[in-house]
Amino acid sequence: MEIQGTLIKILPIESGAKKDGGEWSSQNIIVEQEGQYPKPVSITLFGDKINLLNGIQLNDKLSVSINLESREYNDKYFTKVNAWKISKL
């Protein structure tokens, strides 16, 4: 799946410890889709995918390849949008 739009925000990197003692890191970006009613989408870059932002700046027009993932917690579902490829348009 692919989302196209303008990068409007880069959030700080978050990190922590895994249950097995390893480390994790993630970073979210906000891409605003174009159209009559522009909609911002929060996209997560996990682990080494954070490096996809190298050379990317605010207001760049992007094409972001994504996977959708939902997790259940207490009978509620939460969906994440995970990036695996980013390219400038």
N, C-alpha and C. Protein backbone atom coordinates (compact mmCIF):
# COMPACT_ATOMS: atom_id res chain seq x y z
N MET A 1 0.85 -1.16 0.00
CA MET A 1 0.00 0.00 0.00
C MET A 1 0.90 1.23 0.00
N GLU A 2 0.38 2.33 -0.55
CA GLU A 2 1.20 3.52 -0.68
C GLU A 2 0.40 4.77 -0.32
N ILE A 3 1.06 5.70 0.36
CA ILE A 3 0.47 6.99 0.70
C ILE A 3 1.35 8.07 0.08
N GLN A 4 0.72 9.07 -0.55
CA GLN A 4 1.46 10.20 -1.09
C GLN A 4 0.98 11.46 -0.41
N GLY A 5 1.92 12.36 -0.13
CA GLY A 5 1.57 13.61 0.50
C GLY A 5 2.80 14.40 0.90
N THR A 6 2.57 15.43 1.71
CA THR A 6 3.63 16.33 2.14
C THR A 6 4.00 16.04 3.59
N LEU A 7 5.30 15.96 3.86
CA LEU A 7 5.79 15.74 5.22
C LEU A 7 5.59 17.03 6.01
N ILE A 8 4.73 16.99 7.03
CA ILE A 8 4.45 18.21 7.79
C ILE A 8 5.04 18.19 9.20
N LYS A 9 5.45 17.01 9.68
CA LYS A 9 6.01 16.94 11.03
C LYS A 9 6.87 15.69 11.18
N ILE A 10 8.00 15.85 11.89
CA ILE A 10 8.86 14.72 12.27
C ILE A 10 8.93 14.71 13.79
N LEU A 11 8.39 13.67 14.39
CA LEU A 11 8.36 13.58 15.85
C LEU A 11 9.68 13.01 16.38
N PRO A 12 9.99 13.23 17.65
CA PRO A 12 11.25 12.72 18.23
C PRO A 12 11.31 11.19 18.21
N ILE A 13 12.52 10.68 18.20
CA ILE A 13 12.75 9.24 18.28
C ILE A 13 12.41 8.77 19.70
N GLU A 14 11.68 7.66 19.78
CA GLU A 14 11.37 7.02 21.05
C GLU A 14 12.16 5.72 21.12
N SER A 15 12.58 5.35 22.32
CA SER A 15 13.33 4.09 22.46
C SER A 15 13.07 3.49 23.84
N GLY A 16 13.44 2.22 23.96
CA GLY A 16 13.25 1.53 25.22
C GLY A 16 13.86 0.15 25.18
N ALA A 17 13.59 -0.62 26.21
CA ALA A 17 14.13 -1.97 26.33
C ALA A 17 13.04 -2.99 26.04
N LYS A 18 13.41 -4.04 25.31
CA LYS A 18 12.49 -5.15 25.03
C LYS A 18 12.47 -6.09 26.23
N LYS A 19 11.49 -6.98 26.25
CA LYS A 19 11.40 -7.97 27.33
C LYS A 19 12.63 -8.86 27.36
N ASP A 20 13.21 -9.14 26.17
CA ASP A 20 14.38 -10.03 26.12
C ASP A 20 15.69 -9.29 26.41
N GLY A 21 15.61 -7.99 26.77
CA GLY A 21 16.81 -7.23 27.11
C GLY A 21 17.36 -6.41 25.97
N GLY A 22 16.89 -6.63 24.76
CA GLY A 22 17.35 -5.83 23.62
C GLY A 22 16.76 -4.44 23.65
N GLU A 23 17.15 -3.63 22.69
CA GLU A 23 16.66 -2.26 22.59
C GLU A 23 15.75 -2.12 21.39
N TRP A 24 14.81 -1.19 21.45
CA TRP A 24 13.96 -0.86 20.31
C TRP A 24 13.96 0.66 20.15
N SER A 25 13.68 1.10 18.94
CA SER A 25 13.51 2.54 18.69
C SER A 25 12.50 2.71 17.56
N SER A 26 11.77 3.80 17.63
CA SER A 26 10.80 4.12 16.59
C SER A 26 10.66 5.63 16.48
N GLN A 27 10.16 6.07 15.34
CA GLN A 27 9.94 7.49 15.10
C GLN A 27 8.69 7.64 14.24
N ASN A 28 7.87 8.60 14.57
CA ASN A 28 6.67 8.86 13.79
C ASN A 28 6.85 10.11 12.95
N ILE A 29 6.27 10.07 11.76
CA ILE A 29 6.21 11.25 10.90
C ILE A 29 4.74 11.49 10.58
N ILE A 30 4.41 12.72 10.25
CA ILE A 30 3.05 13.07 9.86
C ILE A 30 3.09 13.51 8.40
N VAL A 31 2.35 12.78 7.57
CA VAL A 31 2.26 13.09 6.14
C VAL A 31 0.82 13.52 5.87
N GLU A 32 0.69 14.70 5.26
CA GLU A 32 -0.64 15.19 4.92
C GLU A 32 -0.96 14.82 3.48
N GLN A 33 -2.02 14.01 3.32
CA GLN A 33 -2.45 13.60 1.99
C GLN A 33 -3.12 14.77 1.29
N GLU A 34 -2.93 14.85 -0.02
CA GLU A 34 -3.52 15.93 -0.79
C GLU A 34 -4.95 15.59 -1.15
N GLY A 35 -5.69 16.59 -1.55
CA GLY A 35 -7.07 16.39 -1.96
C GLY A 35 -7.92 17.54 -1.50
N GLN A 36 -9.22 17.46 -1.76
CA GLN A 36 -10.13 18.52 -1.38
C GLN A 36 -10.16 18.69 0.14
N TYR A 37 -10.07 17.58 0.87
CA TYR A 37 -10.04 17.61 2.33
C TYR A 37 -8.76 16.93 2.79
N PRO A 38 -7.62 17.68 2.85
CA PRO A 38 -6.34 17.06 3.25
C PRO A 38 -6.44 16.40 4.62
N LYS A 39 -5.86 15.21 4.71
CA LYS A 39 -5.90 14.46 5.96
C LYS A 39 -4.48 14.10 6.39
N PRO A 40 -4.11 14.42 7.65
CA PRO A 40 -2.81 14.00 8.15
C PRO A 40 -2.84 12.53 8.56
N VAL A 41 -1.74 11.83 8.29
CA VAL A 41 -1.60 10.42 8.66
C VAL A 41 -0.30 10.27 9.45
N SER A 42 -0.38 9.64 10.61
CA SER A 42 0.80 9.35 11.41
C SER A 42 1.37 8.01 10.94
N ILE A 43 2.66 8.03 10.58
CA ILE A 43 3.33 6.85 10.04
C ILE A 43 4.54 6.54 10.93
N THR A 44 4.68 5.27 11.31
CA THR A 44 5.75 4.84 12.20
C THR A 44 6.90 4.22 11.41
N LEU A 45 8.12 4.63 11.78
CA LEU A 45 9.34 4.00 11.27
C LEU A 45 9.97 3.27 12.45
N PHE A 46 10.17 1.98 12.31
CA PHE A 46 10.62 1.16 13.44
C PHE A 46 12.03 0.65 13.18
N GLY A 47 12.89 0.72 14.20
CA GLY A 47 14.25 0.18 14.10
C GLY A 47 15.07 0.87 13.03
N ASP A 48 15.71 0.07 12.17
CA ASP A 48 16.59 0.63 11.14
C ASP A 48 15.83 1.40 10.06
N LYS A 49 14.50 1.30 10.03
CA LYS A 49 13.70 2.06 9.06
C LYS A 49 13.75 3.56 9.33
N ILE A 50 14.18 3.96 10.54
CA ILE A 50 14.34 5.38 10.85
C ILE A 50 15.32 6.02 9.87
N ASN A 51 16.29 5.25 9.39
CA ASN A 51 17.27 5.76 8.43
C ASN A 51 16.66 6.16 7.10
N LEU A 52 15.43 5.74 6.84
CA LEU A 52 14.76 6.14 5.60
C LEU A 52 14.55 7.65 5.53
N LEU A 53 14.64 8.31 6.68
CA LEU A 53 14.45 9.77 6.72
C LEU A 53 15.70 10.53 6.34
N ASN A 54 16.83 9.85 6.17
CA ASN A 54 18.06 10.54 5.76
C ASN A 54 17.83 11.25 4.44
N GLY A 55 18.09 12.55 4.41
CA GLY A 55 17.90 13.34 3.20
C GLY A 55 16.49 13.84 2.99
N ILE A 56 15.59 13.53 3.92
CA ILE A 56 14.19 13.97 3.83
C ILE A 56 14.01 15.17 4.76
N GLN A 57 13.30 16.20 4.28
CA GLN A 57 13.08 17.40 5.08
C GLN A 57 11.60 17.75 5.13
N LEU A 58 11.23 18.59 6.09
CA LEU A 58 9.86 19.07 6.18
C LEU A 58 9.44 19.69 4.85
N ASN A 59 8.19 19.54 4.50
CA ASN A 59 7.57 20.06 3.29
C ASN A 59 7.97 19.31 2.02
N ASP A 60 8.78 18.25 2.13
CA ASP A 60 9.06 17.41 0.97
C ASP A 60 7.80 16.64 0.60
N LYS A 61 7.56 16.48 -0.68
CA LYS A 61 6.46 15.64 -1.16
C LYS A 61 7.00 14.22 -1.24
N LEU A 62 6.27 13.27 -0.62
CA LEU A 62 6.76 11.91 -0.46
C LEU A 62 5.78 10.88 -1.00
N SER A 63 6.33 9.74 -1.32
CA SER A 63 5.57 8.52 -1.54
C SER A 63 6.07 7.54 -0.48
N VAL A 64 5.17 7.06 0.36
CA VAL A 64 5.55 6.19 1.47
C VAL A 64 4.86 4.84 1.30
N SER A 65 5.66 3.79 1.19
CA SER A 65 5.12 2.43 1.13
C SER A 65 4.89 1.96 2.56
N ILE A 66 3.69 1.44 2.82
CA ILE A 66 3.30 1.12 4.20
C ILE A 66 2.69 -0.27 4.32
N ASN A 67 2.69 -0.76 5.54
CA ASN A 67 1.91 -1.93 5.95
C ASN A 67 1.01 -1.49 7.09
N LEU A 68 -0.20 -2.01 7.13
CA LEU A 68 -1.12 -1.74 8.23
C LEU A 68 -1.10 -2.91 9.20
N GLU A 69 -1.14 -2.59 10.49
CA GLU A 69 -1.09 -3.64 11.52
C GLU A 69 -2.01 -3.25 12.66
N SER A 70 -2.88 -4.16 13.06
CA SER A 70 -3.78 -3.90 14.19
C SER A 70 -3.48 -4.88 15.32
N ARG A 71 -3.60 -4.37 16.54
CA ARG A 71 -3.42 -5.20 17.73
C ARG A 71 -4.62 -5.01 18.64
N GLU A 72 -4.98 -6.09 19.31
CA GLU A 72 -6.11 -6.05 20.23
C GLU A 72 -5.60 -5.89 21.66
N TYR A 73 -6.27 -5.03 22.41
CA TYR A 73 -5.96 -4.85 23.83
C TYR A 73 -7.28 -4.54 24.53
N ASN A 74 -7.68 -5.39 25.47
CA ASN A 74 -8.93 -5.21 26.22
C ASN A 74 -10.13 -5.02 25.31
N ASP A 75 -10.24 -5.88 24.31
CA ASP A 75 -11.35 -5.85 23.36
C ASP A 75 -11.42 -4.58 22.51
N LYS A 76 -10.32 -3.85 22.43
CA LYS A 76 -10.23 -2.70 21.54
C LYS A 76 -9.08 -2.95 20.58
N TYR A 77 -9.22 -2.47 19.35
CA TYR A 77 -8.19 -2.65 18.35
C TYR A 77 -7.51 -1.33 18.04
N PHE A 78 -6.19 -1.38 17.95
CA PHE A 78 -5.37 -0.21 17.67
C PHE A 78 -4.57 -0.50 16.40
N THR A 79 -4.61 0.42 15.47
CA THR A 79 -3.96 0.22 14.18
C THR A 79 -2.74 1.11 14.04
N LYS A 80 -1.65 0.52 13.54
CA LYS A 80 -0.43 1.25 13.26
C LYS A 80 -0.19 1.25 11.75
N VAL A 81 0.37 2.32 11.27
CA VAL A 81 0.77 2.45 9.88
C VAL A 81 2.30 2.44 9.88
N ASN A 82 2.89 1.33 9.40
CA ASN A 82 4.34 1.16 9.43
C ASN A 82 4.94 1.37 8.04
N ALA A 83 5.96 2.23 7.97
CA ALA A 83 6.63 2.50 6.69
C ALA A 83 7.75 1.49 6.46
N TRP A 84 7.93 1.10 5.19
CA TRP A 84 9.06 0.24 4.85
C TRP A 84 9.85 0.81 3.67
N LYS A 85 9.34 1.89 3.06
CA LYS A 85 10.07 2.56 1.97
C LYS A 85 9.55 3.99 1.87
N ILE A 86 10.47 4.94 1.68
CA ILE A 86 10.10 6.35 1.49
C ILE A 86 10.89 6.88 0.31
N SER A 87 10.20 7.59 -0.58
CA SER A 87 10.91 8.25 -1.70
C SER A 87 10.30 9.62 -1.93
N LYS A 88 11.14 10.55 -2.35
CA LYS A 88 10.68 11.89 -2.67
C LYS A 88 9.99 11.87 -4.02
N LEU A 89 8.96 12.69 -4.16
CA LEU A 89 8.27 12.81 -5.45
C LEU A 89 8.85 13.97 -6.23
